[in-house]
């Protein structure tokens, strides 16, 4: 049995586990965020860890989320009567395509999200669920066994596997703060390559807790501390803490710390409805000597009033 394979399998199977700018990309961690800000958002994001290190993790995603059936654009009475879950102004939908690579492992897939938003005076409480379709692959030709004994778990002919899983989330937001909880891999899908192993490997559930607060220093400056807690059922938990300074709503910069021994600096700007974000991670452990850091880029467009569907809301 090769323990390195089991460890890398756990990392590769998780969805968007390493992004530094989670405050800009909350939808990737929590399906309840879909449509929560009443706008249509399209995002492209990529994270390449330990650049220059062979087999280092790479994560790329394209996502879309929106609020449907707004009050000013109600569906016909027959549709509202037939689909009770599609109450006007309360439903968010989203989708994301992802591609992940970690050493000999790859994971490509699609997730679809349904969210229901409840208005609570000046706050909003949301619940969401997301089915995830993943195609996991193993490049067995690159695996070197330490004991030179053939392992049927990884050296068989069946090196790709389709998996259906589910994520669930709850999200609470107000004008100046937010908090959320989500769980990934609800069904703990089993993975097995080779076709002759006695035991499957089940993907462990992952829990995410997030929160943030926006503090207005004055009319031009806002300070936003935020936190993301990652709790794995089969590994050590991780805390991501960050502080972002927004300048005149169009520029921002910040710093974050991960308990996985990494520091990150990030920044970005907004031009009209377009957003550009960049983050650089510096590893504090010995692995920093083997790479030139980790890099993350996020591009986004937020659609609103020109589509005549949604009122423009700048929640970034």
C-alpha atoms as a PDB file:
ATOM      1  CA  UNK A   1       0.000   0.000   0.000  1.00  0.00           C
ATOM      2  CA  UNK A   2       1.361   3.466  -0.840  1.00  0.00           C
ATOM      3  CA  UNK A   3       0.541   6.084   1.761  1.00  0.00           C
ATOM      4  CA  UNK A   4       1.632   8.995  -0.409  1.00  0.00           C
ATOM      5  CA  UNK A   5      -1.068   8.118  -2.912  1.00  0.00           C
ATOM      6  CA  UNK A   6      -3.769   8.131  -0.253  1.00  0.00           C
ATOM      7  CA  UNK A   7      -2.677  11.541   0.968  1.00  0.00           C
ATOM      8  CA  UNK A   8      -2.599  13.114  -2.476  1.00  0.00           C
ATOM      9  CA  UNK A   9      -5.941  11.559  -3.309  1.00  0.00           C
ATOM     10  CA  UNK A  10      -7.530  13.394  -0.398  1.00  0.00           C
ATOM     11  CA  UNK A  11      -6.114  16.718  -1.561  1.00  0.00           C
ATOM     12  CA  UNK A  12      -7.012  16.304  -5.221  1.00  0.00           C
ATOM     13  CA  UNK A  13     -10.555  15.210  -4.526  1.00  0.00           C
ATOM     14  CA  UNK A  14     -11.436  18.350  -2.649  1.00  0.00           C
ATOM     15  CA  UNK A  15     -13.028  21.217  -4.506  1.00  0.00           C
ATOM     16  CA  UNK A  16     -11.253  24.618  -4.536  1.00  0.00           C
ATOM     17  CA  UNK A  17      -9.373  24.007  -1.287  1.00  0.00           C
ATOM     18  CA  UNK A  18      -6.497  26.448  -1.588  1.00  0.00           C
ATOM     19  CA  UNK A  19      -7.708  29.800  -2.937  1.00  0.00           C
ATOM     20  CA  UNK A  20      -6.321  32.757  -1.007  1.00  0.00           C
ATOM     21  CA  UNK A  21      -8.941  35.329  -2.018  1.00  0.00           C
ATOM     22  CA  UNK A  22     -11.891  33.398  -0.613  1.00  0.00           C
ATOM     23  CA  UNK A  23     -13.764  36.616   0.267  1.00  0.00           C
ATOM     24  CA  UNK A  24     -14.091  37.289  -3.495  1.00  0.00           C
ATOM     25  CA  UNK A  25     -14.946  33.691  -4.324  1.00  0.00           C
ATOM     26  CA  UNK A  26     -17.330  32.568  -1.581  1.00  0.00           C
ATOM     27  CA  UNK A  27     -19.578  30.767  -4.074  1.00  0.00           C
ATOM     28  CA  UNK A  28     -16.857  28.172  -4.721  1.00  0.00           C
ATOM     29  CA  UNK A  29     -16.979  27.135  -1.074  1.00  0.00           C
ATOM     30  CA  UNK A  30     -20.695  27.560  -0.335  1.00  0.00           C
ATOM     31  CA  UNK A  31     -23.597  26.854  -2.762  1.00  0.00           C
ATOM     32  CA  UNK A  32     -25.945  29.064  -0.697  1.00  0.00           C
ATOM     33  CA  UNK A  33     -24.057  32.126  -1.970  1.00  0.00           C
ATOM     34  CA  UNK A  34     -25.529  31.661  -5.475  1.00  0.00           C
ATOM     35  CA  UNK A  35     -27.503  34.815  -6.321  1.00  0.00           C
ATOM     36  CA  UNK A  36     -27.209  36.179  -2.782  1.00  0.00           C
ATOM     37  CA  UNK A  37     -26.276  39.713  -3.878  1.00  0.00           C
ATOM     38  CA  UNK A  38     -29.047  40.050  -6.499  1.00  0.00           C
ATOM     39  CA  UNK A  39     -26.613  40.261  -9.406  1.00  0.00           C
ATOM     40  CA  UNK A  40     -25.328  38.035 -12.158  1.00  0.00           C
ATOM     41  CA  UNK A  41     -21.621  37.252 -11.692  1.00  0.00           C
ATOM     42  CA  UNK A  42     -19.225  35.424 -14.013  1.00  0.00           C
ATOM     43  CA  UNK A  43     -15.768  34.523 -12.694  1.00  0.00           C
ATOM     44  CA  UNK A  44     -12.599  32.891 -13.967  1.00  0.00           C
ATOM     45  CA  UNK A  45     -10.039  31.928 -11.350  1.00  0.00           C
ATOM     46  CA  UNK A  46      -6.796  30.043 -11.225  1.00  0.00           C
ATOM     47  CA  UNK A  47      -4.403  29.048  -8.473  1.00  0.00           C
ATOM     48  CA  UNK A  48      -1.001  27.508  -9.143  1.00  0.00           C
ATOM     49  CA  UNK A  49       0.806  26.418  -6.005  1.00  0.00           C
ATOM     50  CA  UNK A  50       4.585  26.120  -5.625  1.00  0.00           C
ATOM     51  CA  UNK A  51       5.389  27.272  -9.159  1.00  0.00           C
ATOM     52  CA  UNK A  52       8.567  25.577 -10.370  1.00  0.00           C
ATOM     53  CA  UNK A  53       7.994  22.427  -8.310  1.00  0.00           C
ATOM     54  CA  UNK A  54       7.222  19.359 -10.433  1.00  0.00           C
ATOM     55  CA  UNK A  55       3.752  17.940  -9.804  1.00  0.00           C
ATOM     56  CA  UNK A  56       2.611  20.930  -7.719  1.00  0.00           C
ATOM     57  CA  UNK A  57      -1.154  21.510  -7.316  1.00  0.00           C
ATOM     58  CA  UNK A  58      -3.051  23.559  -9.897  1.00  0.00           C
ATOM     59  CA  UNK A  59      -6.696  24.622  -9.588  1.00  0.00           C
ATOM     60  CA  UNK A  60      -8.742  26.373 -12.277  1.00  0.00           C
ATOM     61  CA  UNK A  61     -12.457  27.225 -12.218  1.00  0.00           C
ATOM     62  CA  UNK A  62     -15.102  29.073 -14.215  1.00  0.00           C
ATOM     63  CA  UNK A  63     -18.276  29.951 -12.332  1.00  0.00           C
ATOM     64  CA  UNK A  64     -21.605  31.664 -12.874  1.00  0.00           C
ATOM     65  CA  UNK A  65     -24.331  32.560 -10.377  1.00  0.00           C
ATOM     66  CA  UNK A  66     -27.464  34.679 -10.562  1.00  0.00           C
ATOM     67  CA  UNK A  67     -30.782  35.514  -8.902  1.00  0.00           C
ATOM     68  CA  UNK A  68     -33.808  34.365 -10.926  1.00  0.00           C
ATOM     69  CA  UNK A  69     -37.474  35.355 -11.028  1.00  0.00           C
ATOM     70  CA  UNK A  70     -36.961  38.828  -9.596  1.00  0.00           C
ATOM     71  CA  UNK A  71     -40.055  40.688  -8.400  1.00  0.00           C
ATOM     72  CA  UNK A  72     -39.895  43.039 -11.360  1.00  0.00           C
ATOM     73  CA  UNK A  73     -39.670  40.120 -13.757  1.00  0.00           C
ATOM     74  CA  UNK A  74     -42.154  37.562 -12.452  1.00  0.00           C
ATOM     75  CA  UNK A  75     -42.840  34.357 -14.357  1.00  0.00           C
ATOM     76  CA  UNK A  76     -46.338  33.542 -15.461  1.00  0.00           C
ATOM     77  CA  UNK A  77     -48.873  32.547 -12.839  1.00  0.00           C
ATOM     78  CA  UNK A  78     -48.901  28.948 -14.074  1.00  0.00           C
ATOM     79  CA  UNK A  79     -45.151  28.627 -13.607  1.00  0.00           C
ATOM     80  CA  UNK A  80     -45.286  30.076 -10.079  1.00  0.00           C
ATOM     81  CA  UNK A  81     -48.124  27.735  -9.165  1.00  0.00           C
ATOM     82  CA  UNK A  82     -46.420  24.655 -10.542  1.00  0.00           C
ATOM     83  CA  UNK A  83     -42.922  25.283  -9.148  1.00  0.00           C
ATOM     84  CA  UNK A  84     -43.299  26.271  -5.487  1.00  0.00           C
ATOM     85  CA  UNK A  85     -39.521  26.318  -4.985  1.00  0.00           C
ATOM     86  CA  UNK A  86     -39.218  29.099  -7.573  1.00  0.00           C
ATOM     87  CA  UNK A  87     -40.827  31.887  -5.548  1.00  0.00           C
ATOM     88  CA  UNK A  88     -40.153  35.228  -7.291  1.00  0.00           C
ATOM     89  CA  UNK A  89     -37.077  36.976  -5.946  1.00  0.00           C
ATOM     90  CA  UNK A  90     -36.001  34.134  -3.636  1.00  0.00           C
ATOM     91  CA  UNK A  91     -34.099  31.724  -5.876  1.00  0.00           C
ATOM     92  CA  UNK A  92     -30.451  31.715  -6.857  1.00  0.00           C
ATOM     93  CA  UNK A  93     -28.875  29.395  -9.403  1.00  0.00           C
ATOM     94  CA  UNK A  94     -25.236  28.768 -10.172  1.00  0.00           C
ATOM     95  CA  UNK A  95     -22.770  26.504 -11.940  1.00  0.00           C
ATOM     96  CA  UNK A  96     -19.061  25.980 -11.988  1.00  0.00           C
ATOM     97  CA  UNK A  97     -16.617  23.993 -14.095  1.00  0.00           C
ATOM     98  CA  UNK A  98     -13.361  23.016 -12.418  1.00  0.00           C
ATOM     99  CA  UNK A  99     -10.089  21.362 -13.314  1.00  0.00           C
ATOM    100  CA  UNK A 100      -7.610  20.298 -10.641  1.00  0.00           C
ATOM    101  CA  UNK A 101      -4.220  18.615 -10.896  1.00  0.00           C
ATOM    102  CA  UNK A 102      -2.019  17.281  -8.131  1.00  0.00           C
ATOM    103  CA  UNK A 103       0.952  15.177  -9.110  1.00  0.00           C
ATOM    104  CA  UNK A 104      -0.321  12.032 -10.797  1.00  0.00           C
ATOM    105  CA  UNK A 105      -3.960  12.877 -10.050  1.00  0.00           C
ATOM    106  CA  UNK A 106      -6.443  15.021 -11.965  1.00  0.00           C
ATOM    107  CA  UNK A 107     -10.030  15.984 -11.269  1.00  0.00           C
ATOM    108  CA  UNK A 108     -12.348  17.620 -13.798  1.00  0.00           C
ATOM    109  CA  UNK A 109     -16.020  18.233 -13.225  1.00  0.00           C
ATOM    110  CA  UNK A 110     -19.155  20.310 -13.047  1.00  0.00           C
ATOM    111  CA  UNK A 111     -21.311  21.421 -10.143  1.00  0.00           C
ATOM    112  CA  UNK A 112     -24.792  22.954 -10.250  1.00  0.00           C
ATOM    113  CA  UNK A 113     -26.228  24.982  -7.374  1.00  0.00           C
ATOM    114  CA  UNK A 114     -29.713  25.838  -6.164  1.00  0.00           C
ATOM    115  CA  UNK A 115     -30.107  28.416  -3.381  1.00  0.00           C
ATOM    116  CA  UNK A 116     -33.185  29.734  -1.576  1.00  0.00           C
ATOM    117  CA  UNK A 117     -32.965  33.192   0.012  1.00  0.00           C
ATOM    118  CA  UNK A 118     -35.102  34.344   2.929  1.00  0.00           C
ATOM    119  CA  UNK A 119     -35.349  38.068   3.631  1.00  0.00           C
ATOM    120  CA  UNK A 120     -35.115  38.905   7.339  1.00  0.00           C
ATOM    121  CA  UNK A 121     -35.729  42.646   7.688  1.00  0.00           C
ATOM    122  CA  UNK A 122     -32.325  44.076   6.648  1.00  0.00           C
ATOM    123  CA  UNK A 123     -30.581  40.690   6.609  1.00  0.00           C
ATOM    124  CA  UNK A 124     -30.786  37.620   4.403  1.00  0.00           C
ATOM    125  CA  UNK A 125     -30.562  33.920   5.262  1.00  0.00           C
ATOM    126  CA  UNK A 126     -29.814  31.490   2.438  1.00  0.00           C
ATOM    127  CA  UNK A 127     -29.663  27.731   2.010  1.00  0.00           C
ATOM    128  CA  UNK A 128     -28.145  25.936  -0.942  1.00  0.00           C
ATOM    129  CA  UNK A 129     -27.410  22.487  -2.316  1.00  0.00           C
ATOM    130  CA  UNK A 130     -25.129  21.459  -5.120  1.00  0.00           C
ATOM    131  CA  UNK A 131     -24.701  18.148  -6.975  1.00  0.00           C
ATOM    132  CA  UNK A 132     -21.115  17.671  -8.143  1.00  0.00           C
ATOM    133  CA  UNK A 133     -20.100  15.493 -11.091  1.00  0.00           C
ATOM    134  CA  UNK A 134     -16.371  14.672 -11.032  1.00  0.00           C
ATOM    135  CA  UNK A 135     -14.138  12.680 -13.318  1.00  0.00           C
ATOM    136  CA  UNK A 136     -11.021  11.628 -11.384  1.00  0.00           C
ATOM    137  CA  UNK A 137      -7.996  10.366 -13.235  1.00  0.00           C
ATOM    138  CA  UNK A 138      -4.772   8.688 -12.180  1.00  0.00           C
ATOM    139  CA  UNK A 139      -1.635   8.640 -14.332  1.00  0.00           C
ATOM    140  CA  UNK A 140      -0.311   5.354 -13.029  1.00  0.00           C
ATOM    141  CA  UNK A 141       2.747   5.416 -15.302  1.00  0.00           C
ATOM    142  CA  UNK A 142       4.199   8.224 -13.149  1.00  0.00           C
ATOM    143  CA  UNK A 143       3.815   6.332  -9.870  1.00  0.00           C
ATOM    144  CA  UNK A 144       6.963   4.881  -8.324  1.00  0.00           C
ATOM    145  CA  UNK A 145       6.355   2.321  -5.585  1.00  0.00           C
ATOM    146  CA  UNK A 146       8.854   2.397  -2.751  1.00  0.00           C
ATOM    147  CA  UNK A 147       8.900  -1.371  -2.292  1.00  0.00           C
ATOM    148  CA  UNK A 148       8.774  -2.311  -6.032  1.00  0.00           C
ATOM    149  CA  UNK A 149       5.811  -4.574  -5.300  1.00  0.00           C
ATOM    150  CA  UNK A 150       2.930  -4.129  -7.797  1.00  0.00           C
ATOM    151  CA  UNK A 151      -0.100  -2.521  -6.165  1.00  0.00           C
ATOM    152  CA  UNK A 152      -3.419  -3.448  -7.880  1.00  0.00           C
ATOM    153  CA  UNK A 153      -5.055  -0.411  -6.323  1.00  0.00           C
ATOM    154  CA  UNK A 154      -3.236   2.022  -8.608  1.00  0.00           C
ATOM    155  CA  UNK A 155      -1.639  -0.009 -11.395  1.00  0.00           C
ATOM    156  CA  UNK A 156      -4.735  -1.487 -12.997  1.00  0.00           C
ATOM    157  CA  UNK A 157      -6.333  -0.592 -16.324  1.00  0.00           C
ATOM    158  CA  UNK A 158      -9.200   1.435 -14.870  1.00  0.00           C
ATOM    159  CA  UNK A 159      -7.468   4.800 -14.282  1.00  0.00           C
ATOM    160  CA  UNK A 160     -10.513   7.118 -14.529  1.00  0.00           C
ATOM    161  CA  UNK A 161     -13.607   7.186 -12.361  1.00  0.00           C
ATOM    162  CA  UNK A 162     -16.862   9.181 -12.469  1.00  0.00           C
ATOM    163  CA  UNK A 163     -18.199  10.306  -9.100  1.00  0.00           C
ATOM    164  CA  UNK A 164     -21.467  11.946  -8.083  1.00  0.00           C
ATOM    165  CA  UNK A 165     -21.387  13.866  -4.812  1.00  0.00           C
ATOM    166  CA  UNK A 166     -23.302  16.656  -3.039  1.00  0.00           C
ATOM    167  CA  UNK A 167     -22.455  19.857  -1.173  1.00  0.00           C
ATOM    168  CA  UNK A 168     -24.736  21.791   1.182  1.00  0.00           C
ATOM    169  CA  UNK A 169     -24.457  25.265   2.655  1.00  0.00           C
ATOM    170  CA  UNK A 170     -26.109  27.996   4.736  1.00  0.00           C
ATOM    171  CA  UNK A 171     -25.230  31.673   4.386  1.00  0.00           C
ATOM    172  CA  UNK A 172     -26.252  34.756   6.388  1.00  0.00           C
ATOM    173  CA  UNK A 173     -25.511  38.254   5.174  1.00  0.00           C
ATOM    174  CA  UNK A 174     -26.210  41.872   6.094  1.00  0.00           C
ATOM    175  CA  UNK A 175     -24.906  45.180   4.780  1.00  0.00           C
ATOM    176  CA  UNK A 176     -21.668  45.100   6.772  1.00  0.00           C
ATOM    177  CA  UNK A 177     -21.087  41.443   7.687  1.00  0.00           C
ATOM    178  CA  UNK A 178     -21.623  37.850   6.606  1.00  0.00           C
ATOM    179  CA  UNK A 179     -21.232  34.322   7.951  1.00  0.00           C
ATOM    180  CA  UNK A 180     -21.579  30.916   6.348  1.00  0.00           C
ATOM    181  CA  UNK A 181     -21.246  27.176   6.844  1.00  0.00           C
ATOM    182  CA  UNK A 182     -20.950  24.495   4.186  1.00  0.00           C
ATOM    183  CA  UNK A 183     -20.137  20.810   3.949  1.00  0.00           C
ATOM    184  CA  UNK A 184     -18.621  19.116   0.905  1.00  0.00           C
ATOM    185  CA  UNK A 185     -18.704  15.438  -0.081  1.00  0.00           C
ATOM    186  CA  UNK A 186     -21.896  14.626   1.808  1.00  0.00           C
ATOM    187  CA  UNK A 187     -22.131  11.114   0.357  1.00  0.00           C
ATOM    188  CA  UNK A 188     -18.425  10.290   0.912  1.00  0.00           C
ATOM    189  CA  UNK A 189     -18.114   8.739  -2.529  1.00  0.00           C
ATOM    190  CA  UNK A 190     -15.795   5.770  -2.885  1.00  0.00           C
ATOM    191  CA  UNK A 191     -12.784   5.755  -5.205  1.00  0.00           C
ATOM    192  CA  UNK A 192     -10.971   2.707  -6.495  1.00  0.00           C
ATOM    193  CA  UNK A 193      -8.566   2.154  -9.357  1.00  0.00           C
ATOM    194  CA  UNK A 194      -7.367  -1.138 -10.702  1.00  0.00           C
ATOM    195  CA  UNK A 195     -10.550  -3.065 -10.017  1.00  0.00           C
ATOM    196  CA  UNK A 196      -9.030  -5.683  -7.711  1.00  0.00           C
ATOM    197  CA  UNK A 197      -8.508  -3.903  -4.392  1.00  0.00           C
ATOM    198  CA  UNK A 198     -10.369  -5.233  -1.393  1.00  0.00           C
ATOM    199  CA  UNK A 199     -11.324  -1.836   0.022  1.00  0.00           C
ATOM    200  CA  UNK A 200     -12.449   1.420  -1.628  1.00  0.00           C
ATOM    201  CA  UNK A 201     -11.111   4.793  -0.507  1.00  0.00           C
ATOM    202  CA  UNK A 202     -13.879   7.092   0.652  1.00  0.00           C
ATOM    203  CA  UNK A 203     -13.480  10.835   0.248  1.00  0.00           C
ATOM    204  CA  UNK A 204     -13.675  12.467   3.673  1.00  0.00           C
ATOM    205  CA  UNK A 205     -16.238  15.199   4.291  1.00  0.00           C
ATOM    206  CA  UNK A 206     -14.990  18.765   4.452  1.00  0.00           C
ATOM    207  CA  UNK A 207     -16.549  21.562   6.514  1.00  0.00           C
ATOM    208  CA  UNK A 208     -16.087  25.255   5.813  1.00  0.00           C
ATOM    209  CA  UNK A 209     -16.865  28.111   8.203  1.00  0.00           C
ATOM    210  CA  UNK A 210     -16.509  31.651   6.878  1.00  0.00           C
ATOM    211  CA  UNK A 211     -17.187  35.127   8.171  1.00  0.00           C
ATOM    212  CA  UNK A 212     -16.288  38.750   7.588  1.00  0.00           C
ATOM    213  CA  UNK A 213     -17.058  42.280   8.721  1.00  0.00           C
ATOM    214  CA  UNK A 214     -16.831  45.518   6.731  1.00  0.00           C
ATOM    215  CA  UNK A 215     -15.808  48.552   8.791  1.00  0.00           C
ATOM    216  CA  UNK A 216     -16.008  52.024   7.246  1.00  0.00           C
ATOM    217  CA  UNK A 217     -13.052  54.170   8.351  1.00  0.00           C
ATOM    218  CA  UNK A 218     -14.433  57.121   6.390  1.00  0.00           C
ATOM    219  CA  UNK A 219     -16.140  57.725   3.077  1.00  0.00           C
ATOM    220  CA  UNK A 220     -13.118  56.610   1.038  1.00  0.00           C
ATOM    221  CA  UNK A 221     -11.637  53.772   3.111  1.00  0.00           C
ATOM    222  CA  UNK A 222     -13.105  50.483   4.325  1.00  0.00           C
ATOM    223  CA  UNK A 223     -11.398  47.776   6.353  1.00  0.00           C
ATOM    224  CA  UNK A 224     -12.644  44.190   6.095  1.00  0.00           C
ATOM    225  CA  UNK A 225     -11.244  41.373   8.256  1.00  0.00           C
ATOM    226  CA  UNK A 226     -12.405  37.890   7.219  1.00  0.00           C
ATOM    227  CA  UNK A 227     -11.826  34.275   8.163  1.00  0.00           C
ATOM    228  CA  UNK A 228     -12.171  30.855   6.566  1.00  0.00           C
ATOM    229  CA  UNK A 229     -11.918  27.698   8.678  1.00  0.00           C
ATOM    230  CA  UNK A 230     -11.403  24.418   6.824  1.00  0.00           C
ATOM    231  CA  UNK A 231     -12.210  21.297   8.814  1.00  0.00           C
ATOM    232  CA  UNK A 232     -11.387  17.933   7.258  1.00  0.00           C
ATOM    233  CA  UNK A 233     -12.666  14.772   8.909  1.00  0.00           C
ATOM    234  CA  UNK A 234      -9.478  12.894   8.076  1.00  0.00           C
ATOM    235  CA  UNK A 235      -6.831  15.628   8.319  1.00  0.00           C
ATOM    236  CA  UNK A 236      -5.727  18.570  10.411  1.00  0.00           C
ATOM    237  CA  UNK A 237      -7.925  21.678  10.231  1.00  0.00           C
ATOM    238  CA  UNK A 238      -6.709  24.918   8.675  1.00  0.00           C
ATOM    239  CA  UNK A 239      -7.446  28.583   9.410  1.00  0.00           C
ATOM    240  CA  UNK A 240      -7.178  31.371   6.832  1.00  0.00           C
ATOM    241  CA  UNK A 241      -7.208  34.903   8.243  1.00  0.00           C
ATOM    242  CA  UNK A 242      -7.138  38.018   6.057  1.00  0.00           C
ATOM    243  CA  UNK A 243      -7.533  41.778   6.211  1.00  0.00           C
ATOM    244  CA  UNK A 244      -8.519  43.841   3.166  1.00  0.00           C
ATOM    245  CA  UNK A 245      -8.364  47.614   2.742  1.00  0.00           C
ATOM    246  CA  UNK A 246     -10.695  49.066   0.098  1.00  0.00           C
ATOM    247  CA  UNK A 247      -9.891  52.505  -1.316  1.00  0.00           C
ATOM    248  CA  UNK A 248     -12.714  54.538  -2.888  1.00  0.00           C
ATOM    249  CA  UNK A 249     -14.517  51.253  -3.689  1.00  0.00           C
ATOM    250  CA  UNK A 250     -12.429  50.742  -6.837  1.00  0.00           C
ATOM    251  CA  UNK A 251      -9.078  49.577  -5.410  1.00  0.00           C
ATOM    252  CA  UNK A 252      -8.109  47.194  -2.654  1.00  0.00           C
ATOM    253  CA  UNK A 253      -5.126  45.448  -1.123  1.00  0.00           C
ATOM    254  CA  UNK A 254      -4.638  43.083   1.755  1.00  0.00           C
ATOM    255  CA  UNK A 255      -2.702  40.395   3.539  1.00  0.00           C
ATOM    256  CA  UNK A 256      -3.651  36.938   4.764  1.00  0.00           C
ATOM    257  CA  UNK A 257      -2.134  34.148   6.813  1.00  0.00           C
ATOM    258  CA  UNK A 258      -2.768  30.423   6.521  1.00  0.00           C
ATOM    259  CA  UNK A 259      -1.999  28.031   9.321  1.00  0.00           C
ATOM    260  CA  UNK A 260      -0.573  25.747   6.648  1.00  0.00           C
ATOM    261  CA  UNK A 261       2.549  27.953   6.951  1.00  0.00           C
ATOM    262  CA  UNK A 262       1.848  30.443   4.177  1.00  0.00           C
ATOM    263  CA  UNK A 263       1.491  34.210   3.932  1.00  0.00           C
ATOM    264  CA  UNK A 264      -0.345  35.942   1.107  1.00  0.00           C
ATOM    265  CA  UNK A 265      -0.493  39.484  -0.216  1.00  0.00           C
ATOM    266  CA  UNK A 266      -3.237  40.432  -2.650  1.00  0.00           C
ATOM    267  CA  UNK A 267      -4.728  43.382  -4.459  1.00  0.00           C
ATOM    268  CA  UNK A 268      -7.109  44.331  -7.211  1.00  0.00           C
ATOM    269  CA  UNK A 269      -9.106  46.971  -8.989  1.00  0.00           C
ATOM    270  CA  UNK A 270     -12.536  47.549 -10.452  1.00  0.00           C
ATOM    271  CA  UNK A 271     -13.155  49.186 -13.829  1.00  0.00           C
ATOM    272  CA  UNK A 272     -16.850  49.723 -14.474  1.00  0.00           C
ATOM    273  CA  UNK A 273     -18.290  46.248 -13.855  1.00  0.00           C
ATOM    274  CA  UNK A 274     -15.050  44.338 -14.388  1.00  0.00           C
ATOM    275  CA  UNK A 275     -12.791  43.087 -11.583  1.00  0.00           C
ATOM    276  CA  UNK A 276      -9.191  41.947 -11.569  1.00  0.00           C
ATOM    277  CA  UNK A 277      -7.571  40.354  -8.492  1.00  0.00           C
ATOM    278  CA  UNK A 278      -4.121  38.920  -7.915  1.00  0.00           C
ATOM    279  CA  UNK A 279      -2.559  37.152  -4.928  1.00  0.00           C
ATOM    280  CA  UNK A 280       0.955  35.936  -4.197  1.00  0.00           C
ATOM    281  CA  UNK A 281       1.560  33.254  -1.568  1.00  0.00           C
ATOM    282  CA  UNK A 282       4.888  32.799   0.164  1.00  0.00           C
ATOM    283  CA  UNK A 283       5.415  29.506   1.931  1.00  0.00           C
ATOM    284  CA  UNK A 284       7.054  29.732   5.357  1.00  0.00           C
ATOM    285  CA  UNK A 285       8.207  26.107   5.496  1.00  0.00           C
ATOM    286  CA  UNK A 286      11.266  24.499   3.925  1.00  0.00           C
ATOM    287  CA  UNK A 287       9.366  23.860   0.695  1.00  0.00           C
ATOM    288  CA  UNK A 288       9.883  27.547  -0.195  1.00  0.00           C
ATOM    289  CA  UNK A 289      13.434  26.669  -1.274  1.00  0.00           C
ATOM    290  CA  UNK A 290      12.073  24.452  -4.050  1.00  0.00           C
ATOM    291  CA  UNK A 291       9.678  26.889  -5.754  1.00  0.00           C
ATOM    292  CA  UNK A 292       9.053  30.527  -6.605  1.00  0.00           C
ATOM    293  CA  UNK A 293       5.827  30.945  -4.661  1.00  0.00           C
ATOM    294  CA  UNK A 294       2.147  30.419  -5.416  1.00  0.00           C
ATOM    295  CA  UNK A 295       0.087  32.650  -7.681  1.00  0.00           C
ATOM    296  CA  UNK A 296      -3.639  33.279  -7.953  1.00  0.00           C
ATOM    297  CA  UNK A 297      -5.580  35.321 -10.527  1.00  0.00           C
ATOM    298  CA  UNK A 298      -9.292  36.112 -10.438  1.00  0.00           C
ATOM    299  CA  UNK A 299     -11.230  37.830 -13.232  1.00  0.00           C
ATOM    300  CA  UNK A 300     -14.896  38.731 -12.775  1.00  0.00           C
ATOM    301  CA  UNK A 301     -17.713  40.601 -14.477  1.00  0.00           C
ATOM    302  CA  UNK A 302     -20.838  41.668 -12.592  1.00  0.00           C
ATOM    303  CA  UNK A 303     -23.914  42.241 -14.746  1.00  0.00           C
ATOM    304  CA  UNK A 304     -26.747  44.472 -13.654  1.00  0.00           C
ATOM    305  CA  UNK A 305     -28.813  47.354 -14.877  1.00  0.00           C
ATOM    306  CA  UNK A 306     -27.872  47.234 -18.559  1.00  0.00           C
ATOM    307  CA  UNK A 307     -29.398  43.753 -18.802  1.00  0.00           C
ATOM    308  CA  UNK A 308     -32.729  45.156 -17.525  1.00  0.00           C
ATOM    309  CA  UNK A 309     -32.966  42.152 -15.235  1.00  0.00           C
ATOM    310  CA  UNK A 310     -31.274  43.113 -11.992  1.00  0.00           C
ATOM    311  CA  UNK A 311     -30.549  46.264 -10.053  1.00  0.00           C
ATOM    312  CA  UNK A 312     -26.838  46.948  -9.797  1.00  0.00           C
ATOM    313  CA  UNK A 313     -25.479  46.159  -6.324  1.00  0.00           C
ATOM    314  CA  UNK A 314     -21.790  46.559  -5.618  1.00  0.00           C
ATOM    315  CA  UNK A 315     -21.161  44.104  -2.792  1.00  0.00           C
ATOM    316  CA  UNK A 316     -17.426  43.677  -3.333  1.00  0.00           C
END
